[in-house]
Every structure is written in structure tokens, then in C-alpha cells.
N, C-alpha and C. Protein backbone atom coordinates (compact mmCIF):
# COMPACT_ATOMS: atom_id res chain seq x y z
N MET A 1 48.23 38.31 -87.43
CA MET A 1 48.23 38.19 -88.87
C MET A 1 46.99 38.89 -89.43
N ASP A 2 47.13 39.44 -90.60
CA ASP A 2 46.04 40.15 -91.25
C ASP A 2 45.25 39.18 -92.13
N LEU A 3 44.19 38.62 -91.58
CA LEU A 3 43.37 37.68 -92.33
C LEU A 3 42.55 38.36 -93.41
N LEU A 4 42.41 39.68 -93.31
CA LEU A 4 41.67 40.41 -94.34
C LEU A 4 42.45 40.50 -95.65
N ALA A 5 43.72 40.10 -95.63
CA ALA A 5 44.51 40.09 -96.86
C ALA A 5 44.04 39.01 -97.82
N ILE A 6 43.35 38.01 -97.29
CA ILE A 6 42.81 36.95 -98.14
C ILE A 6 41.57 37.49 -98.83
N GLU A 7 41.54 37.34 -100.16
CA GLU A 7 40.37 37.84 -100.88
C GLU A 7 39.14 37.02 -100.50
N GLY A 8 38.03 37.72 -100.30
CA GLY A 8 36.77 37.07 -99.96
C GLY A 8 36.50 36.98 -98.47
N VAL A 9 37.51 37.14 -97.64
CA VAL A 9 37.33 37.06 -96.19
C VAL A 9 36.92 38.43 -95.68
N SER A 10 35.83 38.44 -94.92
CA SER A 10 35.30 39.70 -94.40
C SER A 10 35.45 39.75 -92.88
N HIS A 11 35.00 40.84 -92.31
CA HIS A 11 35.04 40.99 -90.85
C HIS A 11 34.16 39.93 -90.19
N ALA A 12 33.03 39.61 -90.80
CA ALA A 12 32.12 38.61 -90.23
C ALA A 12 32.79 37.23 -90.17
N THR A 13 33.56 36.90 -91.19
CA THR A 13 34.27 35.61 -91.20
C THR A 13 35.30 35.56 -90.08
N ILE A 14 36.05 36.64 -89.92
CA ILE A 14 37.07 36.70 -88.88
C ILE A 14 36.43 36.64 -87.50
N LEU A 15 35.30 37.33 -87.33
CA LEU A 15 34.60 37.28 -86.04
C LEU A 15 34.11 35.87 -85.73
N SER A 16 33.62 35.16 -86.73
CA SER A 16 33.17 33.79 -86.47
C SER A 16 34.34 32.88 -86.13
N ILE A 17 35.51 33.12 -86.71
CA ILE A 17 36.71 32.34 -86.35
C ILE A 17 37.07 32.62 -84.89
N MET A 18 37.07 33.88 -84.49
CA MET A 18 37.43 34.23 -83.12
C MET A 18 36.42 33.67 -82.12
N VAL A 19 35.14 33.70 -82.47
CA VAL A 19 34.11 33.21 -81.56
C VAL A 19 34.17 31.69 -81.43
N GLU A 20 34.36 31.00 -82.53
CA GLU A 20 34.33 29.54 -82.51
C GLU A 20 35.55 28.92 -81.85
N ILE A 21 36.76 29.32 -82.26
CA ILE A 21 37.94 28.65 -81.69
C ILE A 21 38.98 29.61 -81.13
N GLY A 22 38.97 30.85 -81.54
CA GLY A 22 39.94 31.81 -81.03
C GLY A 22 41.33 31.52 -81.57
N PRO A 23 42.27 32.44 -81.33
CA PRO A 23 43.62 32.24 -81.87
C PRO A 23 44.35 31.06 -81.22
N GLU A 24 44.06 30.75 -79.97
CA GLU A 24 44.73 29.63 -79.31
C GLU A 24 44.12 28.28 -79.68
N GLY A 25 42.91 28.29 -80.19
CA GLY A 25 42.25 27.04 -80.57
C GLY A 25 42.91 26.36 -81.75
N PHE A 26 43.61 27.12 -82.58
CA PHE A 26 44.29 26.54 -83.73
C PHE A 26 45.42 25.61 -83.30
N ARG A 27 45.99 25.84 -82.11
CA ARG A 27 47.11 25.04 -81.65
C ARG A 27 46.69 23.63 -81.25
N LYS A 28 45.40 23.39 -81.10
CA LYS A 28 44.90 22.06 -80.76
C LYS A 28 45.06 21.10 -81.94
N PHE A 29 45.16 21.65 -83.14
CA PHE A 29 45.27 20.83 -84.33
C PHE A 29 46.73 20.76 -84.76
N ASN A 30 47.23 19.54 -84.95
CA ASN A 30 48.64 19.35 -85.31
C ASN A 30 48.93 19.76 -86.75
N SER A 31 47.92 19.69 -87.61
CA SER A 31 48.14 20.03 -89.02
C SER A 31 46.88 20.69 -89.58
N SER A 32 47.05 21.26 -90.75
CA SER A 32 45.89 21.88 -91.41
C SER A 32 44.89 20.82 -91.83
N LYS A 33 45.37 19.60 -92.10
CA LYS A 33 44.47 18.50 -92.47
C LYS A 33 43.52 18.18 -91.32
N GLU A 34 44.04 18.16 -90.09
CA GLU A 34 43.18 17.90 -88.93
C GLU A 34 42.16 19.02 -88.77
N PHE A 35 42.58 20.25 -89.01
CA PHE A 35 41.69 21.40 -88.87
C PHE A 35 40.53 21.33 -89.86
N VAL A 36 40.83 21.10 -91.14
CA VAL A 36 39.75 21.06 -92.14
C VAL A 36 38.90 19.80 -91.97
N SER A 37 39.48 18.73 -91.43
CA SER A 37 38.68 17.54 -91.14
C SER A 37 37.70 17.83 -90.00
N TRP A 38 38.14 18.57 -89.00
CA TRP A 38 37.27 18.95 -87.90
C TRP A 38 36.13 19.86 -88.39
N LEU A 39 36.45 20.69 -89.38
CA LEU A 39 35.43 21.56 -89.95
C LEU A 39 34.45 20.80 -90.84
N ARG A 40 34.74 19.55 -91.13
CA ARG A 40 33.95 18.71 -92.05
C ARG A 40 34.03 19.26 -93.47
N LEU A 41 35.23 19.67 -93.87
CA LEU A 41 35.44 20.16 -95.23
C LEU A 41 36.33 19.22 -96.04
N ALA A 42 37.01 18.29 -95.37
CA ALA A 42 37.90 17.36 -96.07
C ALA A 42 37.09 16.14 -96.51
N PRO A 43 37.37 15.60 -97.68
CA PRO A 43 36.65 14.41 -98.12
C PRO A 43 36.97 13.20 -97.26
N ASN A 44 35.96 12.37 -97.04
CA ASN A 44 36.12 11.14 -96.27
C ASN A 44 36.35 10.01 -97.26
N ASN A 45 37.61 9.70 -97.54
CA ASN A 45 37.93 8.68 -98.54
C ASN A 45 37.74 7.29 -97.95
N LYS A 46 36.83 6.54 -98.56
CA LYS A 46 36.63 5.14 -98.18
C LYS A 46 37.30 4.30 -99.25
N ILE A 47 38.37 3.59 -98.86
CA ILE A 47 39.16 2.81 -99.81
C ILE A 47 39.17 1.36 -99.36
N SER A 48 38.95 0.47 -100.31
CA SER A 48 39.01 -0.96 -100.03
C SER A 48 39.78 -1.64 -101.15
N GLY A 49 40.85 -2.30 -100.80
CA GLY A 49 41.65 -2.99 -101.81
C GLY A 49 42.29 -2.06 -102.81
N GLY A 50 42.60 -0.83 -102.40
CA GLY A 50 43.22 0.13 -103.30
C GLY A 50 42.23 0.85 -104.20
N LYS A 51 40.96 0.52 -104.10
CA LYS A 51 39.93 1.16 -104.93
C LYS A 51 39.16 2.16 -104.09
N VAL A 52 38.98 3.37 -104.61
CA VAL A 52 38.23 4.39 -103.90
C VAL A 52 36.74 4.11 -104.06
N LEU A 53 36.07 3.80 -102.95
CA LEU A 53 34.64 3.50 -102.98
C LEU A 53 33.81 4.76 -102.89
N SER A 54 34.27 5.71 -102.07
CA SER A 54 33.54 6.95 -101.88
C SER A 54 34.52 8.02 -101.42
N SER A 55 34.28 9.25 -101.84
CA SER A 55 35.12 10.35 -101.38
C SER A 55 34.28 11.59 -101.14
N LYS A 56 33.14 11.40 -100.53
CA LYS A 56 32.25 12.53 -100.27
C LYS A 56 32.66 13.25 -99.00
N VAL A 57 32.30 14.52 -98.93
CA VAL A 57 32.53 15.31 -97.72
C VAL A 57 31.47 14.88 -96.72
N PRO A 58 31.87 14.52 -95.48
CA PRO A 58 30.90 14.03 -94.51
C PRO A 58 29.89 15.10 -94.12
N LYS A 59 28.71 14.63 -93.73
CA LYS A 59 27.67 15.55 -93.29
C LYS A 59 28.03 16.11 -91.93
N GLY A 60 27.44 17.22 -91.62
CA GLY A 60 27.72 17.88 -90.35
C GLY A 60 28.10 19.32 -90.62
N SER A 61 27.79 20.18 -89.68
CA SER A 61 28.06 21.58 -89.91
C SER A 61 28.33 22.28 -88.58
N ASN A 62 29.04 23.36 -88.68
CA ASN A 62 29.22 24.26 -87.54
C ASN A 62 29.26 25.67 -88.09
N ARG A 63 29.26 26.64 -87.20
CA ARG A 63 29.19 28.03 -87.65
C ARG A 63 30.41 28.46 -88.44
N LEU A 64 31.57 27.92 -88.11
CA LEU A 64 32.79 28.28 -88.83
C LEU A 64 32.76 27.73 -90.25
N LYS A 65 32.26 26.53 -90.42
CA LYS A 65 32.14 25.95 -91.76
C LYS A 65 31.20 26.80 -92.61
N ILE A 66 30.10 27.23 -92.03
CA ILE A 66 29.14 28.07 -92.75
C ILE A 66 29.79 29.40 -93.14
N ALA A 67 30.57 29.99 -92.22
CA ALA A 67 31.23 31.27 -92.52
C ALA A 67 32.24 31.11 -93.65
N LEU A 68 33.01 30.02 -93.65
CA LEU A 68 33.98 29.79 -94.73
C LEU A 68 33.29 29.55 -96.06
N ARG A 69 32.15 28.86 -96.03
CA ARG A 69 31.41 28.62 -97.27
C ARG A 69 30.83 29.93 -97.82
N GLN A 70 30.40 30.82 -96.93
CA GLN A 70 29.90 32.12 -97.39
C GLN A 70 31.04 32.96 -97.97
N ALA A 71 32.21 32.90 -97.35
CA ALA A 71 33.36 33.61 -97.89
C ALA A 71 33.73 33.04 -99.26
N THR A 72 33.60 31.74 -99.41
CA THR A 72 33.88 31.08 -100.68
C THR A 72 32.92 31.53 -101.76
N ASN A 73 31.66 31.72 -101.41
CA ASN A 73 30.70 32.22 -102.40
C ASN A 73 31.09 33.59 -102.90
N SER A 74 31.59 34.44 -102.01
CA SER A 74 32.03 35.76 -102.46
C SER A 74 33.30 35.65 -103.32
N ILE A 75 34.15 34.68 -103.03
CA ILE A 75 35.34 34.45 -103.86
C ILE A 75 34.92 34.05 -105.27
N GLY A 76 33.86 33.26 -105.36
CA GLY A 76 33.38 32.83 -106.67
C GLY A 76 32.91 33.97 -107.54
N ASN A 77 32.55 35.09 -106.94
CA ASN A 77 32.07 36.24 -107.70
C ASN A 77 33.19 37.24 -108.03
N LEU A 78 34.39 37.00 -107.50
CA LEU A 78 35.52 37.90 -107.79
C LEU A 78 36.11 37.57 -109.16
N LYS A 79 36.94 38.48 -109.65
CA LYS A 79 37.61 38.27 -110.93
C LYS A 79 39.11 38.45 -110.76
N ASP A 80 39.86 37.62 -111.45
CA ASP A 80 41.32 37.73 -111.56
C ASP A 80 42.05 37.71 -110.21
N THR A 81 41.70 36.77 -109.36
CA THR A 81 42.46 36.52 -108.16
C THR A 81 42.82 35.03 -108.15
N HIS A 82 43.79 34.67 -107.32
CA HIS A 82 44.25 33.29 -107.26
C HIS A 82 43.11 32.34 -106.87
N LEU A 83 42.39 32.67 -105.80
CA LEU A 83 41.33 31.79 -105.33
C LEU A 83 40.14 31.76 -106.28
N SER A 84 39.83 32.89 -106.93
CA SER A 84 38.71 32.88 -107.87
C SER A 84 39.05 32.07 -109.11
N ASP A 85 40.33 32.08 -109.52
CA ASP A 85 40.74 31.22 -110.64
C ASP A 85 40.61 29.75 -110.28
N PHE A 86 41.01 29.40 -109.04
CA PHE A 86 40.84 28.03 -108.56
C PHE A 86 39.36 27.65 -108.55
N PHE A 87 38.54 28.58 -108.06
CA PHE A 87 37.10 28.35 -107.97
C PHE A 87 36.52 28.05 -109.36
N LYS A 88 36.89 28.85 -110.34
CA LYS A 88 36.35 28.68 -111.69
C LYS A 88 36.83 27.39 -112.34
N ARG A 89 38.09 27.01 -112.10
CA ARG A 89 38.61 25.76 -112.67
C ARG A 89 37.87 24.55 -112.13
N VAL A 90 37.65 24.54 -110.80
CA VAL A 90 36.96 23.41 -110.20
C VAL A 90 35.48 23.43 -110.57
N ALA A 91 34.87 24.60 -110.63
CA ALA A 91 33.45 24.71 -110.97
C ALA A 91 33.17 24.21 -112.37
N PHE A 92 34.11 24.39 -113.27
CA PHE A 92 33.94 23.92 -114.64
C PHE A 92 33.83 22.40 -114.68
N ARG A 93 34.59 21.72 -113.80
CA ARG A 93 34.59 20.26 -113.80
C ARG A 93 33.55 19.65 -112.87
N LYS A 94 33.35 20.24 -111.69
CA LYS A 94 32.57 19.58 -110.64
C LYS A 94 31.22 20.22 -110.32
N GLY A 95 31.01 21.46 -110.72
CA GLY A 95 29.77 22.14 -110.35
C GLY A 95 29.99 23.05 -109.16
N ARG A 96 29.03 23.92 -108.92
CA ARG A 96 29.20 24.98 -107.91
C ARG A 96 29.23 24.42 -106.49
N GLN A 97 28.38 23.46 -106.17
CA GLN A 97 28.30 22.98 -104.80
C GLN A 97 29.60 22.30 -104.36
N ALA A 98 30.16 21.45 -105.19
CA ALA A 98 31.43 20.80 -104.86
C ALA A 98 32.56 21.82 -104.83
N THR A 99 32.46 22.83 -105.67
CA THR A 99 33.49 23.86 -105.71
C THR A 99 33.50 24.69 -104.43
N VAL A 100 32.33 24.98 -103.90
CA VAL A 100 32.26 25.75 -102.65
C VAL A 100 32.95 24.98 -101.53
N SER A 101 32.72 23.68 -101.46
CA SER A 101 33.38 22.87 -100.42
C SER A 101 34.89 22.82 -100.63
N ALA A 102 35.32 22.64 -101.87
CA ALA A 102 36.76 22.54 -102.15
C ALA A 102 37.47 23.86 -101.85
N THR A 103 36.86 24.96 -102.23
CA THR A 103 37.49 26.26 -101.99
C THR A 103 37.44 26.63 -100.51
N ALA A 104 36.37 26.24 -99.81
CA ALA A 104 36.30 26.49 -98.37
C ALA A 104 37.38 25.70 -97.64
N ARG A 105 37.67 24.49 -98.11
CA ARG A 105 38.75 23.69 -97.54
C ARG A 105 40.08 24.39 -97.75
N LYS A 106 40.29 24.89 -98.97
CA LYS A 106 41.53 25.60 -99.28
C LYS A 106 41.66 26.85 -98.41
N LEU A 107 40.57 27.54 -98.21
CA LEU A 107 40.54 28.74 -97.37
C LEU A 107 40.88 28.38 -95.93
N GLY A 108 40.34 27.26 -95.44
CA GLY A 108 40.65 26.80 -94.08
C GLY A 108 42.12 26.50 -93.91
N VAL A 109 42.74 25.87 -94.91
CA VAL A 109 44.18 25.57 -94.86
C VAL A 109 44.99 26.86 -94.83
N ILE A 110 44.61 27.82 -95.65
CA ILE A 110 45.32 29.10 -95.70
C ILE A 110 45.23 29.80 -94.34
N ILE A 111 44.05 29.83 -93.75
CA ILE A 111 43.86 30.50 -92.46
C ILE A 111 44.65 29.79 -91.37
N TRP A 112 44.62 28.44 -91.36
CA TRP A 112 45.38 27.69 -90.36
C TRP A 112 46.87 28.00 -90.47
N ASN A 113 47.40 28.03 -91.68
CA ASN A 113 48.82 28.32 -91.88
C ASN A 113 49.17 29.74 -91.44
N MET A 114 48.28 30.69 -91.71
CA MET A 114 48.55 32.07 -91.33
C MET A 114 48.59 32.22 -89.82
N VAL A 115 47.64 31.59 -89.12
CA VAL A 115 47.53 31.79 -87.68
C VAL A 115 48.62 31.00 -86.93
N THR A 116 48.84 29.74 -87.30
CA THR A 116 49.78 28.92 -86.52
C THR A 116 51.24 29.19 -86.88
N LYS A 117 51.52 29.37 -88.16
CA LYS A 117 52.91 29.56 -88.59
C LYS A 117 53.30 31.02 -88.72
N LYS A 118 52.35 31.91 -88.47
CA LYS A 118 52.60 33.37 -88.56
C LYS A 118 53.11 33.76 -89.94
N GLU A 119 52.58 33.12 -90.98
CA GLU A 119 52.97 33.43 -92.35
C GLU A 119 51.96 34.39 -92.96
N PRO A 120 52.41 35.44 -93.63
CA PRO A 120 51.46 36.30 -94.34
C PRO A 120 50.93 35.58 -95.58
N TYR A 121 49.78 36.00 -96.04
CA TYR A 121 49.16 35.39 -97.21
C TYR A 121 49.84 35.91 -98.47
N LYS A 122 50.43 35.01 -99.23
CA LYS A 122 51.08 35.38 -100.48
C LYS A 122 50.50 34.52 -101.60
N PRO A 123 49.56 35.04 -102.37
CA PRO A 123 49.02 34.24 -103.46
C PRO A 123 50.05 34.06 -104.56
N PRO A 124 50.15 32.86 -105.14
CA PRO A 124 51.12 32.65 -106.21
C PRO A 124 50.72 33.44 -107.45
N LYS A 125 51.63 34.24 -107.96
CA LYS A 125 51.35 35.05 -109.13
C LYS A 125 51.96 34.47 -110.39
N GLU A 126 53.13 33.84 -110.26
CA GLU A 126 53.83 33.32 -111.43
C GLU A 126 53.44 31.88 -111.75
N TYR A 127 52.43 31.37 -111.08
CA TYR A 127 52.06 29.98 -111.28
C TYR A 127 51.44 29.79 -112.66
N LEU A 128 51.94 28.82 -113.38
CA LEU A 128 51.38 28.50 -114.69
C LEU A 128 50.50 27.28 -114.56
N PHE A 129 49.32 27.35 -115.10
CA PHE A 129 48.42 26.21 -115.06
C PHE A 129 48.77 25.26 -116.19
N LEU A 130 48.23 24.08 -116.13
CA LEU A 130 48.63 23.00 -117.03
C LEU A 130 48.45 23.37 -118.49
N ASP A 131 47.36 24.03 -118.85
CA ASP A 131 47.15 24.38 -120.25
C ASP A 131 48.18 25.42 -120.72
N GLN A 132 48.59 26.33 -119.83
CA GLN A 132 49.61 27.31 -120.19
C GLN A 132 50.97 26.63 -120.37
N LYS A 133 51.27 25.64 -119.53
CA LYS A 133 52.53 24.90 -119.66
C LYS A 133 52.56 24.15 -120.98
N ARG A 134 51.44 23.56 -121.35
CA ARG A 134 51.38 22.83 -122.61
C ARG A 134 51.62 23.74 -123.79
N LYS A 135 51.02 24.94 -123.76
CA LYS A 135 51.20 25.89 -124.86
C LYS A 135 52.67 26.29 -125.00
N LEU A 136 53.32 26.53 -123.86
CA LEU A 136 54.74 26.89 -123.91
C LEU A 136 55.57 25.73 -124.44
N GLY A 137 55.23 24.50 -124.06
CA GLY A 137 55.96 23.34 -124.54
C GLY A 137 55.80 23.13 -126.03
N ILE A 138 54.59 23.35 -126.53
CA ILE A 138 54.34 23.21 -127.97
C ILE A 138 55.12 24.25 -128.75
N ALA A 139 55.12 25.49 -128.27
CA ALA A 139 55.85 26.56 -128.96
C ALA A 139 57.35 26.26 -128.97
N LYS A 140 57.86 25.74 -127.87
CA LYS A 140 59.29 25.42 -127.79
C LYS A 140 59.65 24.31 -128.78
N ARG A 141 58.78 23.27 -128.85
CA ARG A 141 59.03 22.17 -129.80
C ARG A 141 58.97 22.65 -131.25
N MET A 142 58.04 23.56 -131.52
CA MET A 142 57.92 24.08 -132.89
C MET A 142 59.17 24.87 -133.27
N ARG A 143 59.70 25.69 -132.34
CA ARG A 143 60.92 26.44 -132.63
C ARG A 143 62.09 25.50 -132.90
N LYS A 144 62.18 24.39 -132.14
CA LYS A 144 63.25 23.41 -132.37
C LYS A 144 63.13 22.77 -133.75
N GLN A 145 61.91 22.43 -134.13
CA GLN A 145 61.70 21.79 -135.43
C GLN A 145 62.04 22.75 -136.57
N ILE A 146 61.66 24.01 -136.42
CA ILE A 146 61.96 25.00 -137.45
C ILE A 146 63.47 25.16 -137.58
N ALA A 147 64.18 25.22 -136.44
CA ALA A 147 65.64 25.35 -136.49
C ALA A 147 66.29 24.09 -137.07
N LYS A 148 65.72 22.94 -136.75
CA LYS A 148 66.27 21.67 -137.23
C LYS A 148 66.22 21.57 -138.75
N PHE A 149 65.10 21.99 -139.31
CA PHE A 149 64.94 21.91 -140.77
C PHE A 149 65.47 23.14 -141.49
N GLY A 150 65.91 24.15 -140.75
CA GLY A 150 66.49 25.34 -141.35
C GLY A 150 65.48 26.15 -142.14
N LEU A 151 64.26 26.22 -141.66
CA LEU A 151 63.21 26.97 -142.35
C LEU A 151 63.35 28.46 -142.05
N THR A 152 62.98 29.27 -143.02
CA THR A 152 62.99 30.72 -142.85
C THR A 152 61.55 31.22 -142.79
N ASN A 153 61.41 32.51 -142.50
CA ASN A 153 60.07 33.10 -142.43
C ASN A 153 59.36 33.01 -143.78
N GLU A 154 60.10 33.15 -144.85
CA GLU A 154 59.48 33.06 -146.18
C GLU A 154 58.99 31.65 -146.46
N ASP A 155 59.74 30.64 -146.00
CA ASP A 155 59.32 29.25 -146.18
C ASP A 155 58.01 28.98 -145.44
N LEU A 156 57.88 29.60 -144.30
CA LEU A 156 56.69 29.40 -143.49
C LEU A 156 55.54 30.31 -143.92
N GLY A 157 55.82 31.28 -144.76
CA GLY A 157 54.79 32.21 -145.22
C GLY A 157 54.49 33.30 -144.22
N LEU A 158 55.47 33.64 -143.40
CA LEU A 158 55.29 34.66 -142.38
C LEU A 158 56.00 35.94 -142.78
N ASN A 159 55.43 37.04 -142.36
CA ASN A 159 56.05 38.35 -142.58
C ASN A 159 57.12 38.55 -141.49
N ALA A 160 58.27 39.07 -141.83
CA ALA A 160 59.37 39.25 -140.87
C ALA A 160 58.99 40.19 -139.74
N ASN A 161 58.16 41.21 -139.99
CA ASN A 161 57.78 42.16 -138.96
C ASN A 161 56.88 41.49 -137.91
N ILE A 162 56.02 40.60 -138.36
CA ILE A 162 55.11 39.91 -137.43
C ILE A 162 55.93 39.01 -136.51
N CYS A 163 56.91 38.32 -137.03
CA CYS A 163 57.73 37.40 -136.23
C CYS A 163 58.52 38.14 -135.16
N LYS A 164 59.00 39.33 -135.45
CA LYS A 164 59.78 40.09 -134.48
C LYS A 164 58.90 40.55 -133.34
N THR A 165 57.65 40.93 -133.61
CA THR A 165 56.76 41.38 -132.53
C THR A 165 56.24 40.23 -131.72
N ALA A 166 56.16 39.02 -132.30
CA ALA A 166 55.64 37.87 -131.57
C ALA A 166 56.64 37.32 -130.58
N THR A 167 57.94 37.49 -130.85
CA THR A 167 58.95 36.92 -129.94
C THR A 167 59.44 37.88 -128.92
């Protein structure tokens, strides 16, 4: 599989993967969750009575975790890619340090899936984020209301030429 197809992954990252576990080492893990947990990138959820007490990423490091975090830092500096959009969304809410861990975890899952399942990396292009879905829903509701009340462009104060270019 071509791991260089993933944005932000360099030759150094791939070399550290090969040195640390190799292509056959991925088969030791039954799922991507086990793999990222071994890397110490998955949160350690402590739950008691249905209440989340703590969900911090456990301490501990290895060379592969460091390589994925460095690749994640380069992803954070990219523009208009799937992973960089994810990075920016999480960074807005959680800060850069938590974002690096979250994106490194996502990168680990992608790499595990590529190596074990022999799947090429296909970033979602048509994915709509929640704010975009809301905007489409509001526009759809507004069109229904306009049709329901039988309003025309003149009633709304719109020029007919503008409405044709907007739709």
C-alpha cells in the first residue's frame, strides 16, 4: 500500500513504522482500536456509575507515537485537505496539544486499515459537516415556507435575476 498517499506522512514516518513493527506486526492487533491503544493515543476512559470521571490519553511514549505526532503537526500546517480540516475543527474546541493527539490517533487508524485490509486511502470529499447540513436544512425550510404562502420575488423584495443565479 502507498502510505505516502496520506497527506502529512513522509518517508521518515514510514521508516519509523517499518522499524518499530514492520508490515507483519500489524497482524498482532485484532482491531485499529487495539493498535492505537498500544501506541498510547486512545483515551483511557474511566467510568463509574455511567459517569465519565476521566478521559485523558495515558502517559507513555514510543518512537512510532512520536513519528505520528510529528506527521500530525505537518498536517496542521496544510490547507484544504480532509485531515487538516479535522485538525482545525478540533483545535478550535480543544487546543493544539489535544488536537495533535486526536489527529495522530486518526492517522494510526488510517494506517492500520491500509496495511491490514489492503485498502487505499480515500479521503471523503463529499462529506458535509454539521454547520453545512444546517445551512442546507434552513434553506430547504425557507423554500417550503415561501411556496406555502405563495410569495413571489416582488413580495420578498428580490430581483428576479439574482434569484435565478442563486439557485
